[in-house]
């Protein structure tokens, strides 16, 4: 994606430069759900607009490259993936500007859910609403009140 940072070896630097939450996309080369994320989910105009609000990095989970994690630890990608207990791709992990994990998306979801996750993080709603489920319900209600279609099953 055009919004991925080119330098994906120093995530702490990306956080420091952006001074905002970041999104780390954990993917692998031969991954049908990763292709679906890019070809069907991130192509949606609203989803893409929300995704582009956060600095983002794409990581190949099978890489042996070294990197600096959001918390400042130097590891190989494989070590970091193992430490994070990531077994599914794609997984998107969102980090605060302090390098702490906010939440992760580790299943193939539909557009409304993905949009809501990006909205939750980019608006920093997690700072005052610790329940993502409450946030997504209130977001759906607001959209319905303005006449928007809230189809939780569409790609």
N, C-alpha and C. Protein backbone atom coordinates (compact mmCIF):
# COMPACT_ATOMS: atom_id res chain seq x y z
N UNK A 1 0.84 -1.18 0.00
CA UNK A 1 0.00 0.00 0.00
C UNK A 1 0.88 1.24 0.00
N UNK A 2 0.41 2.26 -0.64
CA UNK A 2 1.17 3.50 -0.73
C UNK A 2 1.35 4.21 0.59
N UNK A 3 0.55 3.85 1.59
CA UNK A 3 0.67 4.55 2.88
C UNK A 3 1.60 3.85 3.86
N UNK A 4 2.19 2.72 3.46
CA UNK A 4 3.15 2.04 4.34
C UNK A 4 4.46 2.82 4.36
N UNK A 5 5.04 2.96 5.54
CA UNK A 5 6.36 3.59 5.66
C UNK A 5 7.38 2.71 4.95
N UNK A 6 8.30 3.34 4.26
CA UNK A 6 9.30 2.57 3.52
C UNK A 6 10.32 1.92 4.45
N UNK A 7 10.73 2.63 5.48
CA UNK A 7 11.69 2.08 6.43
C UNK A 7 10.92 1.37 7.54
N UNK A 8 10.96 0.05 7.51
CA UNK A 8 10.19 -0.69 8.51
C UNK A 8 11.08 -1.40 9.52
N UNK A 9 12.30 -0.89 9.71
CA UNK A 9 13.21 -1.53 10.65
C UNK A 9 13.28 -0.84 12.00
N UNK A 10 12.76 0.38 12.10
CA UNK A 10 12.82 1.10 13.37
C UNK A 10 11.44 1.67 13.70
N UNK A 11 10.64 0.85 14.37
CA UNK A 11 9.27 1.26 14.69
C UNK A 11 9.24 2.32 15.77
N UNK A 12 10.20 2.30 16.68
CA UNK A 12 10.26 3.33 17.71
C UNK A 12 10.51 4.70 17.07
N UNK A 13 11.35 4.74 16.05
CA UNK A 13 11.62 5.99 15.34
C UNK A 13 10.34 6.49 14.66
N UNK A 14 9.58 5.59 14.04
CA UNK A 14 8.34 5.98 13.39
C UNK A 14 7.37 6.59 14.40
N UNK A 15 7.27 5.97 15.56
CA UNK A 15 6.39 6.49 16.62
C UNK A 15 6.86 7.87 17.06
N UNK A 16 8.16 8.02 17.27
CA UNK A 16 8.70 9.30 17.72
C UNK A 16 8.49 10.40 16.69
N UNK A 17 8.65 10.07 15.41
CA UNK A 17 8.47 11.06 14.35
C UNK A 17 7.01 11.47 14.18
N UNK A 18 6.12 10.51 14.33
CA UNK A 18 4.69 10.79 14.10
C UNK A 18 4.00 11.31 15.34
N UNK A 19 4.51 10.94 16.52
CA UNK A 19 3.88 11.31 17.79
C UNK A 19 2.40 10.95 17.80
N UNK A 20 2.09 9.79 17.24
CA UNK A 20 0.71 9.30 17.21
C UNK A 20 0.74 7.78 17.27
N UNK A 21 -0.41 7.16 17.46
CA UNK A 21 -0.45 5.70 17.38
C UNK A 21 -0.01 5.24 15.99
N UNK A 22 0.48 4.01 15.92
CA UNK A 22 0.85 3.43 14.64
C UNK A 22 0.16 2.08 14.46
N UNK A 23 0.11 1.62 13.21
CA UNK A 23 -0.44 0.31 12.88
C UNK A 23 0.67 -0.53 12.26
N UNK A 24 0.85 -1.75 12.77
CA UNK A 24 1.83 -2.67 12.22
C UNK A 24 1.08 -3.86 11.62
N UNK A 25 1.23 -4.01 10.31
CA UNK A 25 0.58 -5.09 9.56
C UNK A 25 1.53 -6.27 9.50
N UNK A 26 1.18 -7.37 10.16
CA UNK A 26 1.97 -8.59 10.11
C UNK A 26 1.36 -9.49 9.04
N UNK A 27 2.13 -9.75 8.00
CA UNK A 27 1.64 -10.53 6.87
C UNK A 27 2.70 -11.52 6.41
N UNK A 28 2.36 -12.32 5.43
CA UNK A 28 3.35 -13.19 4.79
C UNK A 28 3.02 -13.29 3.31
N UNK A 29 3.97 -13.76 2.54
CA UNK A 29 3.85 -13.74 1.09
C UNK A 29 2.68 -14.55 0.57
N UNK A 30 2.58 -15.80 0.95
CA UNK A 30 1.54 -16.67 0.42
C UNK A 30 0.37 -16.70 1.41
N UNK A 31 -0.50 -15.69 1.33
CA UNK A 31 -1.55 -15.53 2.33
C UNK A 31 -2.83 -15.03 1.66
N UNK A 32 -3.80 -15.91 1.52
CA UNK A 32 -5.06 -15.53 0.88
C UNK A 32 -5.79 -14.43 1.65
N UNK A 33 -5.80 -14.51 2.97
CA UNK A 33 -6.49 -13.48 3.75
C UNK A 33 -5.78 -12.13 3.68
N UNK A 34 -4.45 -12.16 3.50
CA UNK A 34 -3.71 -10.89 3.31
C UNK A 34 -4.11 -10.27 1.98
N UNK A 35 -4.19 -11.09 0.93
CA UNK A 35 -4.63 -10.58 -0.38
C UNK A 35 -6.04 -10.01 -0.27
N UNK A 36 -6.92 -10.69 0.46
CA UNK A 36 -8.28 -10.20 0.64
C UNK A 36 -8.28 -8.85 1.35
N UNK A 37 -7.43 -8.70 2.37
CA UNK A 37 -7.34 -7.43 3.08
C UNK A 37 -7.01 -6.30 2.11
N UNK A 38 -6.05 -6.53 1.24
CA UNK A 38 -5.60 -5.48 0.32
C UNK A 38 -6.55 -5.29 -0.87
N UNK A 39 -7.10 -6.37 -1.38
CA UNK A 39 -7.91 -6.29 -2.60
C UNK A 39 -9.39 -5.99 -2.34
N UNK A 40 -9.88 -6.28 -1.14
CA UNK A 40 -11.31 -6.10 -0.87
C UNK A 40 -11.62 -5.17 0.28
N UNK A 41 -10.77 -5.11 1.29
CA UNK A 41 -11.06 -4.29 2.47
C UNK A 41 -10.42 -2.91 2.33
N UNK A 42 -9.11 -2.86 2.13
CA UNK A 42 -8.41 -1.57 2.08
C UNK A 42 -8.71 -0.77 0.82
N UNK A 43 -9.39 -1.37 -0.13
CA UNK A 43 -9.77 -0.65 -1.35
C UNK A 43 -11.05 0.18 -1.12
N UNK A 44 -11.81 -0.15 -0.09
CA UNK A 44 -13.01 0.60 0.24
C UNK A 44 -12.60 2.02 0.64
N UNK A 45 -13.28 3.01 0.08
CA UNK A 45 -12.88 4.41 0.27
C UNK A 45 -12.83 4.82 1.75
N UNK A 46 -13.89 4.51 2.51
CA UNK A 46 -13.90 4.91 3.92
C UNK A 46 -12.83 4.17 4.72
N UNK A 47 -12.69 2.88 4.45
CA UNK A 47 -11.67 2.09 5.15
C UNK A 47 -10.28 2.65 4.87
N UNK A 48 -10.01 2.94 3.61
CA UNK A 48 -8.69 3.45 3.23
C UNK A 48 -8.42 4.81 3.87
N UNK A 49 -9.42 5.68 3.86
CA UNK A 49 -9.25 7.00 4.47
C UNK A 49 -8.88 6.87 5.94
N UNK A 50 -9.56 5.97 6.65
CA UNK A 50 -9.26 5.77 8.07
C UNK A 50 -7.88 5.14 8.26
N UNK A 51 -7.54 4.15 7.42
CA UNK A 51 -6.23 3.48 7.53
C UNK A 51 -5.09 4.45 7.26
N UNK A 52 -5.28 5.36 6.34
CA UNK A 52 -4.23 6.31 5.98
C UNK A 52 -3.97 7.35 7.06
N UNK A 53 -4.84 7.45 8.05
CA UNK A 53 -4.64 8.43 9.13
C UNK A 53 -3.54 8.02 10.10
N UNK A 54 -3.20 6.74 10.09
CA UNK A 54 -2.17 6.26 11.01
C UNK A 54 -0.89 5.90 10.27
N UNK A 55 0.26 6.28 10.82
CA UNK A 55 1.49 5.77 10.24
C UNK A 55 1.45 4.24 10.31
N UNK A 56 1.84 3.60 9.22
CA UNK A 56 1.70 2.14 9.13
C UNK A 56 2.94 1.50 8.55
N UNK A 57 3.20 0.30 9.02
CA UNK A 57 4.34 -0.49 8.56
C UNK A 57 3.84 -1.90 8.25
N UNK A 58 4.37 -2.47 7.19
CA UNK A 58 4.07 -3.84 6.80
C UNK A 58 5.29 -4.70 7.12
N UNK A 59 5.06 -5.79 7.86
CA UNK A 59 6.14 -6.69 8.28
C UNK A 59 5.87 -8.08 7.71
N UNK A 60 6.88 -8.69 7.12
CA UNK A 60 6.80 -10.08 6.67
C UNK A 60 7.18 -10.96 7.86
N UNK A 61 6.22 -11.74 8.37
CA UNK A 61 6.47 -12.51 9.58
C UNK A 61 7.53 -13.58 9.41
N UNK A 62 7.89 -13.90 8.18
CA UNK A 62 8.90 -14.93 7.94
C UNK A 62 10.30 -14.34 7.76
N UNK A 63 10.43 -13.04 7.92
CA UNK A 63 11.71 -12.36 7.74
C UNK A 63 12.66 -12.64 8.90
N UNK A 64 13.93 -12.69 8.56
CA UNK A 64 14.99 -12.83 9.58
C UNK A 64 15.62 -11.47 9.90
N UNK A 65 15.11 -10.40 9.28
CA UNK A 65 15.67 -9.07 9.48
C UNK A 65 15.55 -8.63 10.94
N UNK A 66 16.49 -7.82 11.36
CA UNK A 66 16.43 -7.22 12.69
C UNK A 66 15.62 -5.94 12.61
N UNK A 67 14.99 -5.61 13.71
CA UNK A 67 14.24 -4.35 13.80
C UNK A 67 14.23 -3.87 15.23
N UNK A 68 13.77 -2.63 15.37
CA UNK A 68 13.59 -2.07 16.71
C UNK A 68 12.09 -1.96 16.92
N UNK A 69 11.58 -2.62 17.94
CA UNK A 69 10.15 -2.68 18.21
C UNK A 69 9.65 -1.31 18.72
N UNK A 70 8.35 -1.13 18.78
CA UNK A 70 7.82 0.14 19.32
C UNK A 70 8.31 0.46 20.73
N UNK A 71 8.63 -0.56 21.51
CA UNK A 71 9.11 -0.32 22.87
C UNK A 71 10.62 -0.11 22.93
N UNK A 72 11.31 -0.21 21.76
CA UNK A 72 12.74 0.05 21.72
C UNK A 72 13.63 -1.17 21.80
N UNK A 73 13.07 -2.37 21.81
CA UNK A 73 13.85 -3.60 21.89
C UNK A 73 14.31 -4.00 20.49
N UNK A 74 15.57 -4.41 20.37
CA UNK A 74 16.09 -4.88 19.09
C UNK A 74 15.93 -6.40 19.02
N UNK A 75 15.19 -6.86 18.01
CA UNK A 75 14.91 -8.28 17.81
C UNK A 75 14.89 -8.58 16.32
N UNK A 76 14.92 -9.88 15.98
CA UNK A 76 14.59 -10.24 14.61
C UNK A 76 13.07 -10.23 14.49
N UNK A 77 12.59 -10.12 13.27
CA UNK A 77 11.15 -10.15 13.05
C UNK A 77 10.56 -11.43 13.62
N UNK A 78 11.20 -12.57 13.33
CA UNK A 78 10.67 -13.86 13.83
C UNK A 78 10.61 -13.90 15.35
N UNK A 79 11.61 -13.33 16.02
CA UNK A 79 11.60 -13.29 17.49
C UNK A 79 10.43 -12.44 17.98
N UNK A 80 10.24 -11.29 17.35
CA UNK A 80 9.17 -10.40 17.76
C UNK A 80 7.81 -11.04 17.54
N UNK A 81 7.62 -11.67 16.39
CA UNK A 81 6.36 -12.36 16.08
C UNK A 81 6.09 -13.43 17.13
N UNK A 82 7.13 -14.17 17.50
CA UNK A 82 6.98 -15.22 18.52
C UNK A 82 6.64 -14.60 19.87
N UNK A 83 7.31 -13.52 20.24
CA UNK A 83 7.03 -12.84 21.52
C UNK A 83 5.59 -12.32 21.57
N UNK A 84 5.09 -11.85 20.42
CA UNK A 84 3.72 -11.32 20.35
C UNK A 84 2.67 -12.43 20.23
N UNK A 85 3.14 -13.66 20.03
CA UNK A 85 2.24 -14.81 19.89
C UNK A 85 1.30 -14.65 18.68
N UNK A 86 1.88 -14.22 17.57
CA UNK A 86 1.11 -14.05 16.33
C UNK A 86 1.18 -15.34 15.53
N UNK A 87 0.00 -15.89 15.23
CA UNK A 87 -0.08 -17.15 14.47
C UNK A 87 -0.94 -17.01 13.22
N UNK A 88 -1.62 -15.89 13.09
CA UNK A 88 -2.55 -15.69 11.98
C UNK A 88 -2.13 -14.47 11.18
N UNK A 89 -2.24 -14.58 9.86
CA UNK A 89 -2.00 -13.41 9.02
C UNK A 89 -3.20 -13.17 8.15
N UNK A 90 -3.55 -11.92 7.95
CA UNK A 90 -2.89 -10.75 8.50
C UNK A 90 -3.30 -10.49 9.94
N UNK A 91 -2.39 -9.95 10.70
CA UNK A 91 -2.68 -9.40 12.02
C UNK A 91 -2.23 -7.95 11.98
N UNK A 92 -3.06 -7.06 12.46
CA UNK A 92 -2.68 -5.65 12.57
C UNK A 92 -2.66 -5.31 14.05
N UNK A 93 -1.50 -4.85 14.52
CA UNK A 93 -1.35 -4.48 15.92
C UNK A 93 -1.17 -2.97 15.98
N UNK A 94 -1.93 -2.35 16.86
CA UNK A 94 -1.91 -0.89 17.02
C UNK A 94 -1.17 -0.56 18.30
N UNK A 95 -0.25 0.43 18.19
CA UNK A 95 0.58 0.83 19.33
C UNK A 95 0.38 2.31 19.63
N UNK A 96 0.44 2.63 20.93
CA UNK A 96 0.39 4.03 21.37
C UNK A 96 1.70 4.71 20.98
N UNK A 97 1.73 6.02 21.14
CA UNK A 97 2.98 6.73 20.87
C UNK A 97 4.01 6.50 21.98
N UNK A 98 3.64 5.72 22.99
CA UNK A 98 4.59 5.28 24.01
C UNK A 98 5.10 3.87 23.74
N UNK A 99 4.64 3.26 22.64
CA UNK A 99 5.08 1.92 22.28
C UNK A 99 4.32 0.80 22.96
N UNK A 100 3.16 1.10 23.54
CA UNK A 100 2.34 0.08 24.19
C UNK A 100 1.24 -0.39 23.24
N UNK A 101 0.94 -1.68 23.30
CA UNK A 101 -0.11 -2.22 22.43
C UNK A 101 -1.47 -1.70 22.87
N UNK A 102 -2.24 -1.19 21.91
CA UNK A 102 -3.61 -0.74 22.17
C UNK A 102 -4.56 -1.92 21.98
N UNK A 103 -4.52 -2.48 20.80
CA UNK A 103 -5.31 -3.66 20.49
C UNK A 103 -4.81 -4.25 19.20
N UNK A 104 -5.30 -5.43 18.88
CA UNK A 104 -4.90 -6.08 17.64
C UNK A 104 -6.10 -6.65 16.91
N UNK A 105 -5.96 -6.69 15.63
CA UNK A 105 -6.98 -7.29 14.76
C UNK A 105 -6.32 -8.52 14.15
N UNK A 106 -6.76 -9.68 14.59
CA UNK A 106 -6.11 -10.90 14.12
C UNK A 106 -7.09 -11.91 13.57
N UNK A 107 -8.03 -11.39 12.83
CA UNK A 107 -8.96 -12.25 12.09
C UNK A 107 -9.41 -11.45 10.88
N UNK A 108 -9.90 -12.14 9.88
CA UNK A 108 -10.36 -11.44 8.69
C UNK A 108 -11.75 -10.89 8.99
N UNK A 109 -11.84 -9.60 9.01
CA UNK A 109 -13.06 -8.93 9.37
C UNK A 109 -13.65 -8.21 8.17
N UNK A 110 -14.82 -7.71 8.33
CA UNK A 110 -15.50 -6.97 7.28
C UNK A 110 -15.22 -5.48 7.44
N UNK A 111 -15.59 -4.72 6.41
CA UNK A 111 -15.27 -3.30 6.35
C UNK A 111 -15.69 -2.51 7.58
N UNK A 112 -16.93 -2.66 8.04
CA UNK A 112 -17.38 -1.85 9.17
C UNK A 112 -16.51 -2.08 10.40
N UNK A 113 -16.17 -3.32 10.66
CA UNK A 113 -15.35 -3.63 11.84
C UNK A 113 -13.95 -3.05 11.69
N UNK A 114 -13.35 -3.21 10.51
CA UNK A 114 -12.02 -2.67 10.26
C UNK A 114 -12.05 -1.14 10.37
N UNK A 115 -13.05 -0.51 9.77
CA UNK A 115 -13.20 0.94 9.87
C UNK A 115 -13.31 1.37 11.33
N UNK A 116 -14.08 0.64 12.10
CA UNK A 116 -14.28 1.00 13.51
C UNK A 116 -13.00 0.88 14.31
N UNK A 117 -12.20 -0.14 14.02
CA UNK A 117 -10.92 -0.30 14.72
C UNK A 117 -10.00 0.88 14.41
N UNK A 118 -9.89 1.21 13.12
CA UNK A 118 -9.02 2.34 12.75
C UNK A 118 -9.55 3.64 13.34
N UNK A 119 -10.85 3.84 13.36
CA UNK A 119 -11.45 5.03 13.95
C UNK A 119 -11.16 5.09 15.45
N UNK A 120 -11.31 3.97 16.13
CA UNK A 120 -11.06 3.86 17.57
C UNK A 120 -9.63 4.29 17.92
N UNK A 121 -8.68 3.82 17.10
CA UNK A 121 -7.27 4.13 17.38
C UNK A 121 -6.91 5.54 16.92
N UNK A 122 -7.25 5.89 15.67
CA UNK A 122 -6.81 7.19 15.13
C UNK A 122 -7.47 8.37 15.85
N UNK A 123 -8.70 8.18 16.33
CA UNK A 123 -9.36 9.25 17.08
C UNK A 123 -8.93 9.27 18.56
N UNK A 124 -8.13 8.27 18.93
CA UNK A 124 -7.67 8.07 20.31
C UNK A 124 -8.83 7.90 21.29
N UNK A 125 -9.93 7.33 20.79
CA UNK A 125 -11.08 7.05 21.65
C UNK A 125 -10.73 6.05 22.75
N UNK A 126 -9.73 5.21 22.51
CA UNK A 126 -9.31 4.23 23.51
C UNK A 126 -8.85 4.90 24.81
N UNK A 127 -8.48 6.18 24.72
CA UNK A 127 -8.02 6.89 25.92
C UNK A 127 -9.16 7.19 26.89
N UNK A 128 -10.39 7.33 26.38
CA UNK A 128 -11.52 7.63 27.27
C UNK A 128 -12.61 6.55 27.22
N UNK A 129 -12.54 5.63 26.26
CA UNK A 129 -13.49 4.51 26.19
C UNK A 129 -12.70 3.21 26.10
N UNK A 130 -12.45 2.57 27.23
CA UNK A 130 -11.63 1.36 27.22
C UNK A 130 -12.31 0.14 26.57
N UNK A 131 -13.60 0.19 26.38
CA UNK A 131 -14.32 -0.93 25.77
C UNK A 131 -14.52 -0.70 24.28
N UNK A 132 -13.79 -1.46 23.46
CA UNK A 132 -13.96 -1.33 22.02
C UNK A 132 -15.38 -1.72 21.62
N UNK A 133 -15.96 -2.71 22.27
CA UNK A 133 -17.33 -3.13 21.94
C UNK A 133 -18.33 -2.01 22.16
N UNK A 134 -18.17 -1.27 23.24
CA UNK A 134 -19.05 -0.13 23.50
C UNK A 134 -18.84 0.93 22.42
N UNK A 135 -17.59 1.19 22.08
CA UNK A 135 -17.27 2.18 21.04
C UNK A 135 -17.93 1.80 19.71
N UNK A 136 -17.79 0.56 19.30
CA UNK A 136 -18.32 0.15 18.00
C UNK A 136 -19.85 0.20 17.98
N UNK A 137 -20.48 -0.13 19.09
CA UNK A 137 -21.95 -0.04 19.17
C UNK A 137 -22.41 1.41 19.06
N UNK A 138 -21.73 2.30 19.79
CA UNK A 138 -22.09 3.72 19.74
C UNK A 138 -21.81 4.31 18.36
N UNK A 139 -20.73 3.85 17.73
CA UNK A 139 -20.40 4.32 16.37
C UNK A 139 -21.49 3.90 15.39
N UNK A 140 -21.93 2.65 15.50
CA UNK A 140 -23.01 2.17 14.62
C UNK A 140 -24.28 2.97 14.85
N UNK A 141 -24.62 3.22 16.10
CA UNK A 141 -25.83 4.00 16.41
C UNK A 141 -25.76 5.41 15.82
N UNK A 142 -24.59 6.06 15.93
CA UNK A 142 -24.42 7.41 15.36
C UNK A 142 -24.60 7.39 13.84
N UNK A 143 -24.05 6.38 13.20
CA UNK A 143 -24.16 6.29 11.75
C UNK A 143 -25.61 6.05 11.33
N UNK A 144 -26.31 5.22 12.05
CA UNK A 144 -27.71 4.93 11.74
C UNK A 144 -28.56 6.19 11.90
N UNK A 145 -28.29 6.96 12.96
CA UNK A 145 -29.04 8.21 13.19
C UNK A 145 -28.84 9.23 12.08
N UNK A 146 -27.69 9.19 11.42
CA UNK A 146 -27.44 10.13 10.31
C UNK A 146 -27.89 9.56 8.97
N UNK A 147 -28.51 8.38 9.01
CA UNK A 147 -29.04 7.79 7.78
C UNK A 147 -28.06 6.92 7.01
N UNK A 148 -26.88 6.70 7.58
CA UNK A 148 -25.90 5.85 6.89
C UNK A 148 -26.28 4.38 7.05
N UNK A 149 -25.93 3.59 6.04
CA UNK A 149 -26.16 2.15 6.08
C UNK A 149 -25.02 1.52 6.88
N UNK A 150 -25.36 0.74 7.86
CA UNK A 150 -24.37 0.03 8.65
C UNK A 150 -24.53 -1.46 8.35
N UNK A 151 -23.79 -1.89 7.35
CA UNK A 151 -23.82 -3.29 6.94
C UNK A 151 -22.56 -3.97 7.48
N UNK A 152 -22.71 -4.71 8.55
CA UNK A 152 -21.54 -5.33 9.18
C UNK A 152 -21.00 -6.51 8.39
N UNK A 153 -21.67 -6.94 7.35
CA UNK A 153 -21.25 -8.12 6.60
C UNK A 153 -20.59 -7.80 5.27
N UNK A 154 -20.51 -6.53 4.87
CA UNK A 154 -19.95 -6.23 3.55
C UNK A 154 -18.44 -6.17 3.57
N UNK A 155 -17.86 -6.57 2.46
CA UNK A 155 -16.40 -6.46 2.26
C UNK A 155 -16.07 -5.07 1.81
